[in-house]
Protein backbone atom coordinates (compact mmCIF):
# COMPACT_ATOMS: atom_id res chain seq x y z
CA UNK A 1 0.00 0.00 0.00
CA UNK A 2 1.44 3.38 -1.04
CA UNK A 3 0.96 6.16 1.52
CA UNK A 4 1.68 9.82 0.68
CA UNK A 5 1.28 12.85 2.92
CA UNK A 6 0.28 15.94 0.95
CA UNK A 7 2.56 18.96 1.28
CA UNK A 8 1.05 22.18 -0.07
CA UNK A 9 0.70 25.78 1.03
CA UNK A 10 -1.80 26.10 3.87
CA UNK A 11 -4.61 27.65 1.79
CA UNK A 12 -3.94 25.72 -1.42
CA UNK A 13 -5.83 22.76 -2.83
CA UNK A 14 -5.37 21.03 -6.16
CA UNK A 15 -6.63 18.03 -8.15
CA UNK A 16 -5.14 14.73 -7.10
CA UNK A 17 -3.76 14.01 -10.56
CA UNK A 18 -1.95 17.36 -10.72
CA UNK A 19 -0.47 16.83 -7.26
CA UNK A 20 0.73 13.30 -8.00
CA UNK A 21 2.25 14.33 -11.31
CA UNK A 22 4.00 17.44 -9.97
CA UNK A 23 5.23 16.18 -6.61
CA UNK A 24 5.39 12.41 -7.04
CA UNK A 25 6.42 12.09 -10.68
CA UNK A 26 3.46 9.87 -11.52
CA UNK A 27 3.34 8.98 -15.24
CA UNK A 28 0.10 8.82 -17.23
CA UNK A 29 0.30 5.02 -17.24
CA UNK A 30 0.63 4.80 -13.47
CA UNK A 31 -2.15 7.38 -13.00
CA UNK A 32 -4.51 5.15 -14.99
CA UNK A 33 -3.61 2.22 -12.75
CA UNK A 34 -4.21 4.32 -9.63
CA UNK A 35 -7.64 5.67 -10.63
CA UNK A 36 -8.82 2.23 -11.81
CA UNK A 37 -7.46 0.29 -8.83
CA UNK A 38 -10.55 0.67 -6.63
CA UNK A 39 -8.24 1.30 -3.67
CA UNK A 40 -7.69 5.06 -3.88
CA UNK A 41 -8.48 6.88 -0.63
CA UNK A 42 -7.95 10.25 1.01
CA UNK A 43 -7.70 10.22 4.79
CA UNK A 44 -8.93 6.63 4.80
CA UNK A 45 -12.08 7.30 2.74
CA UNK A 46 -12.26 5.75 -0.72
CA UNK A 47 -13.18 8.24 -3.41
CA UNK A 48 -13.13 8.94 -7.15
CA UNK A 49 -9.52 9.87 -7.89
CA UNK A 50 -10.46 11.68 -11.10
CA UNK A 51 -12.69 14.19 -9.26
CA UNK A 52 -10.86 14.43 -5.94
CA UNK A 53 -8.82 17.37 -4.69
CA UNK A 54 -6.24 17.42 -1.90
CA UNK A 55 -4.96 20.00 0.57
CA UNK A 56 -2.02 20.21 2.94
CA UNK A 57 -1.95 17.41 5.49
CA UNK A 58 -4.18 14.99 3.56
CA UNK A 59 -3.06 11.37 3.47
CA UNK A 60 -3.36 9.66 0.10
CA UNK A 61 -3.32 5.87 -0.03
CA UNK A 62 -3.67 3.41 -2.90
CA UNK A 63 -2.58 -0.07 -3.86
CA UNK A 64 -1.65 -0.79 -7.48
CA UNK A 65 0.55 -3.79 -6.77
CA UNK A 66 0.11 -6.35 -9.51
CA UNK A 67 0.42 -10.09 -8.87
CA UNK A 68 3.94 -11.38 -9.49
CA UNK A 69 5.04 -14.79 -10.67
CA UNK A 70 8.51 -14.39 -9.12
CA UNK A 71 9.00 -17.09 -6.48
CA UNK A 72 10.50 -15.76 -3.23
CA UNK A 73 13.79 -17.43 -2.29
CA UNK A 74 16.01 -17.03 0.77
CA UNK A 75 19.16 -15.98 -1.08
CA UNK A 76 22.02 -13.71 0.06
CA UNK A 77 21.67 -10.01 -0.73
CA UNK A 78 24.46 -7.44 -0.41
CA UNK A 79 22.40 -4.26 0.10
CA UNK A 80 24.51 -1.09 -0.06
CA UNK A 81 21.66 1.42 0.39
CA UNK A 82 17.96 1.27 1.26
CA UNK A 83 15.12 3.63 2.15
CA UNK A 84 11.34 3.62 1.81
CA UNK A 85 11.51 4.19 -1.95
CA UNK A 86 14.46 2.30 -3.38
CA UNK A 87 17.49 0.15 -2.67
CA UNK A 88 20.91 -0.53 -4.23
CA UNK A 89 22.24 -4.08 -4.38
CA UNK A 90 25.80 -5.22 -5.04
CA UNK A 91 25.15 -8.11 -7.45
CA UNK A 92 27.69 -10.95 -7.64
CA UNK A 93 28.93 -12.24 -10.98
CA UNK A 94 27.03 -15.31 -12.17
CA UNK A 95 23.59 -14.22 -10.96
CA UNK A 96 20.74 -13.08 -13.21
CA UNK A 97 18.86 -9.91 -12.34
CA UNK A 98 15.41 -11.15 -13.39
CA UNK A 99 13.92 -14.64 -13.79
CA UNK A 100 13.55 -15.96 -17.34
CA UNK A 101 11.44 -18.72 -18.84
CA UNK A 102 14.47 -21.00 -18.67
CA UNK A 103 15.74 -19.85 -15.27
CA UNK A 104 12.95 -18.94 -12.90
CA UNK A 105 14.96 -19.20 -9.67
CA UNK A 106 18.23 -18.02 -8.16
CA UNK A 107 17.95 -14.42 -9.36
CA UNK A 108 18.05 -11.03 -7.66
CA UNK A 109 14.30 -10.83 -8.26
CA UNK A 110 13.71 -14.06 -6.32
CA UNK A 111 15.92 -12.88 -3.48
CA UNK A 112 14.22 -9.49 -3.23
CA UNK A 113 10.70 -10.90 -3.19
CA UNK A 114 11.72 -13.02 -0.18
CA UNK A 115 13.42 -10.03 1.46
CA UNK A 116 10.28 -7.90 1.07
CA UNK A 117 8.07 -10.70 2.43
CA UNK A 118 10.25 -11.13 5.53
CA UNK A 119 10.03 -7.37 6.18
CA UNK A 120 6.26 -7.43 5.71
CA UNK A 121 6.46 -5.07 2.73
CA UNK A 122 4.33 -5.48 -0.41
CA UNK A 123 6.41 -4.51 -3.42
CA UNK A 124 6.85 -5.80 -6.92
CA UNK A 125 10.29 -6.07 -8.56
CA UNK A 126 11.20 -2.79 -10.32
CA UNK A 127 14.85 -2.80 -11.46
CA UNK A 128 15.82 0.60 -12.85
CA UNK A 129 18.52 -0.90 -15.08
CA UNK A 130 20.08 -4.30 -15.78
CA UNK A 131 23.45 -5.97 -15.42
CA UNK A 132 24.57 -8.97 -17.47
CA UNK A 133 24.73 -12.25 -15.59
CA UNK A 134 28.53 -12.23 -15.35
CA UNK A 135 28.90 -8.51 -14.68
CA UNK A 136 29.25 -7.75 -10.98
CA UNK A 137 28.31 -4.58 -9.15
CA UNK A 138 25.64 -2.08 -8.25
CA UNK A 139 22.01 -2.50 -9.27
CA UNK A 140 19.36 0.14 -8.49
CA UNK A 141 15.88 -1.20 -7.70
CA UNK A 142 12.77 0.92 -7.09
CA UNK A 143 10.13 -0.17 -4.59
CA UNK A 144 7.34 1.70 -6.38
CA UNK A 145 6.61 1.97 -10.13
CA UNK A 146 6.64 5.77 -10.10
CA UNK A 147 10.15 5.72 -8.62
CA UNK A 148 11.27 3.36 -11.37
CA UNK A 149 9.83 5.78 -13.92
CA UNK A 150 11.47 8.84 -12.36
CA UNK A 151 14.87 7.12 -12.42
CA UNK A 152 14.46 5.85 -15.99
CA UNK A 153 16.12 7.66 -18.93
CA UNK A 154 12.77 9.40 -19.63
CA UNK A 155 12.44 10.75 -16.11
CA UNK A 156 16.03 11.21 -14.88
CA UNK A 157 18.80 13.14 -16.59
CA UNK A 158 21.46 12.85 -13.89
CA UNK A 159 21.68 9.09 -13.32
CA UNK A 160 25.36 8.14 -13.67
CA UNK A 161 26.60 4.55 -13.93
CA UNK A 162 30.34 4.03 -13.65
CA UNK A 163 32.24 0.79 -14.25
CA UNK A 164 35.72 -0.61 -14.00
CA UNK A 165 36.95 -3.02 -16.66
CA UNK A 166 40.14 -4.80 -17.64
CA UNK A 167 40.94 -5.01 -21.34
CA UNK A 168 43.69 -6.46 -23.49
CA UNK A 169 46.17 -3.89 -24.78
CA UNK A 170 46.15 -0.11 -24.43
CA UNK A 171 43.68 2.42 -25.75
CA UNK A 172 44.85 5.46 -27.72
CA UNK A 173 44.05 8.09 -26.66
CA UNK A 174 44.09 7.03 -23.01
CA UNK A 175 40.73 8.75 -22.39
CA UNK A 176 37.84 9.69 -24.62
CA UNK A 177 34.33 9.04 -25.88
CA UNK A 178 33.24 6.05 -27.94
CA UNK A 179 30.26 7.06 -30.06
CA UNK A 180 29.26 3.98 -32.04
CA UNK A 181 25.68 2.73 -32.56
CA UNK A 182 24.88 -0.85 -31.54
CA UNK A 183 22.55 -3.32 -33.26
CA UNK A 184 21.71 -7.03 -33.02
CA UNK A 185 24.20 -9.32 -34.74
CA UNK A 186 21.59 -11.41 -36.53
CA UNK A 187 20.72 -14.25 -36.68
CA UNK A 188 21.92 -14.41 -33.05
CA UNK A 189 19.45 -13.21 -30.41
CA UNK A 190 22.31 -12.60 -27.93
CA UNK A 191 25.21 -11.05 -29.84
CA UNK A 192 25.42 -7.33 -30.54
CA UNK A 193 27.65 -5.40 -32.94
CA UNK A 194 28.55 -1.85 -33.91
CA UNK A 195 26.46 -0.90 -36.91
CA UNK A 196 25.32 2.38 -38.50
CA UNK A 197 21.81 0.89 -38.45
CA UNK A 198 21.90 0.43 -34.67
CA UNK A 199 20.74 2.57 -31.76
CA UNK A 200 22.90 5.41 -30.48
CA UNK A 201 25.48 4.21 -27.95
CA UNK A 202 27.98 6.45 -26.14
CA UNK A 203 30.62 5.32 -23.64
CA UNK A 204 33.11 7.57 -21.85
CA UNK A 205 36.36 5.91 -20.79
CA UNK A 206 39.56 6.72 -18.92
CA UNK A 207 42.66 4.55 -18.47
CA UNK A 208 43.52 4.15 -14.80
CA UNK A 209 46.69 2.09 -15.31
CA UNK A 210 48.31 -0.10 -17.96
CA UNK A 211 51.32 -2.32 -18.52
CA UNK A 212 50.75 -2.24 -22.29
CA UNK A 213 49.55 -5.85 -22.27
CA UNK A 214 46.49 -5.13 -20.12
CA UNK A 215 44.72 -1.93 -19.04
CA UNK A 216 42.40 -1.06 -16.18
CA UNK A 217 39.69 1.34 -17.32
CA UNK A 218 37.03 3.48 -15.70
CA UNK A 219 33.93 3.88 -17.88
CA UNK A 220 30.68 5.81 -17.72
CA UNK A 221 27.59 4.95 -19.75
CA UNK A 222 25.79 7.82 -21.44
CA UNK A 223 23.36 5.33 -22.97
CA UNK A 224 22.40 1.84 -21.82
CA UNK A 225 22.46 -0.56 -24.75
CA UNK A 226 22.71 -4.31 -24.26
CA UNK A 227 26.39 -5.35 -23.85
CA UNK A 228 27.39 -1.75 -24.58
CA UNK A 229 30.82 -1.68 -22.90
CA UNK A 230 31.64 -5.20 -24.08
CA UNK A 231 30.71 -4.42 -27.68
CA UNK A 232 32.52 -1.08 -27.76
CA UNK A 233 35.74 -2.55 -26.39
CA UNK A 234 35.64 -5.50 -28.80
CA UNK A 235 34.92 -3.10 -31.69
CA UNK A 236 38.11 -1.20 -30.85
CA UNK A 237 40.09 -4.45 -30.84
CA UNK A 238 40.47 -4.53 -27.05
CA UNK A 239 37.88 -7.01 -25.69
CA UNK A 240 37.35 -7.39 -21.96
CA UNK A 241 39.39 -10.10 -20.32
CA UNK A 242 37.24 -13.19 -19.77
CA UNK A 243 34.60 -12.13 -22.30
CA UNK A 244 34.50 -15.24 -24.49
CA UNK A 245 31.36 -13.99 -26.28
CA UNK A 246 33.33 -11.12 -27.81
CA UNK A 247 36.78 -12.68 -28.12
CA UNK A 248 38.27 -11.94 -24.69
CA UNK A 249 41.21 -13.89 -23.23
CA UNK A 250 39.98 -16.54 -20.77
CA UNK A 251 43.37 -17.33 -19.18
CA UNK A 252 43.11 -14.83 -16.32
CA UNK A 253 39.45 -14.60 -15.31
CA UNK A 254 36.49 -16.83 -16.13
CA UNK A 255 33.92 -14.08 -16.75
CA UNK A 256 34.02 -10.64 -18.34
CA UNK A 257 36.20 -8.38 -16.21
CA UNK A 258 33.50 -5.75 -15.72
CA UNK A 259 32.24 -4.30 -12.44
CA UNK A 260 29.65 -1.56 -11.82
CA UNK A 261 31.42 0.25 -8.98
CA UNK A 262 29.56 3.55 -8.58
CA UNK A 263 26.02 4.94 -8.97
CA UNK A 264 25.34 8.66 -8.67
CA UNK A 265 21.86 10.18 -8.79
CA UNK A 266 19.53 12.62 -7.09
CA UNK A 267 16.88 10.91 -5.00
CA UNK A 268 13.53 11.41 -6.76
CA UNK A 269 11.67 12.02 -3.49
CA UNK A 270 14.16 13.90 -1.30
CA UNK A 271 16.31 15.58 -3.95
CA UNK A 272 19.41 14.45 -2.05
CA UNK A 273 22.43 13.51 -4.15
CA UNK A 274 23.38 9.88 -3.53
CA UNK A 275 26.75 8.34 -4.39
CA UNK A 276 26.83 4.58 -3.79
CA UNK A 277 30.02 2.57 -4.31
CA UNK A 278 31.15 -1.05 -4.15
CA UNK A 279 34.72 -2.28 -4.74
CA UNK A 280 35.31 -5.02 -7.34
CA UNK A 281 35.21 -8.64 -6.15
CA UNK A 282 38.25 -10.85 -5.52
CA UNK A 283 38.56 -12.34 -9.03
CA UNK A 284 38.69 -8.87 -10.59
CA UNK A 285 41.10 -7.45 -7.98
CA UNK A 286 43.45 -10.41 -8.36
CA UNK A 287 43.89 -9.71 -12.07
CA UNK A 288 44.17 -5.94 -11.59
CA UNK A 289 46.89 -6.40 -8.95
CA UNK A 290 49.14 -8.25 -11.40
CA UNK A 291 49.93 -5.21 -13.53
């Protein structure tokens, strides 16, 4: 059940829809779900959301939680930040974010549904972005659909995702912007490639250290295409170590050497700037320490 206390000037009232859109970032799609839910209430009294107005101090409640087919599982979760609206999880390599038709268990989604149930909280699974199975690091998850929307590319312009990666060779120049569109590499449904017919993809990179044979990079995504960093590095002839899908050397690490180490964004409800970090795991650090 979502509960919102109305904050307005003392003598001001306004339509519910206008309030929710202006102060809560409710999208048109979510508004339709709210007004048709049959659960909308002001100060505990159910009412017609379309006609209702609110004033300072009113308490709005509604429940638009949809049934989920994600099975709760008691799995470890490394939570790096949590509040009433969202949480940030440090995902290990080898774990899927969301269940699939072939793998319906063992994912972050399964773990979170159990975590919410234990806490007595009713939330669906709203990941703001995704990480590949073998990419480790920080994953932002919203507890409410409007928060997911506000943190999506359509609703948030200051959401920064930063990664560390280990590649073969050395990039020239040592820092820069890769602006190369990415498309499916048909007939494969998994592989991606750089193609002028693809969607815009922009990756900023900076070399942290190198021994000429390998380089440790820091990267920031300006866009979020599938396999974006992996495809861009392979396109430049410097695939990630351990990335066998795109030609990476498997002698030093058994998964792509890619870790999402920092998330920076302004909280959609409080406006506070949040910077969440997580150091790379042992397999990544072991390789990085050797050069």
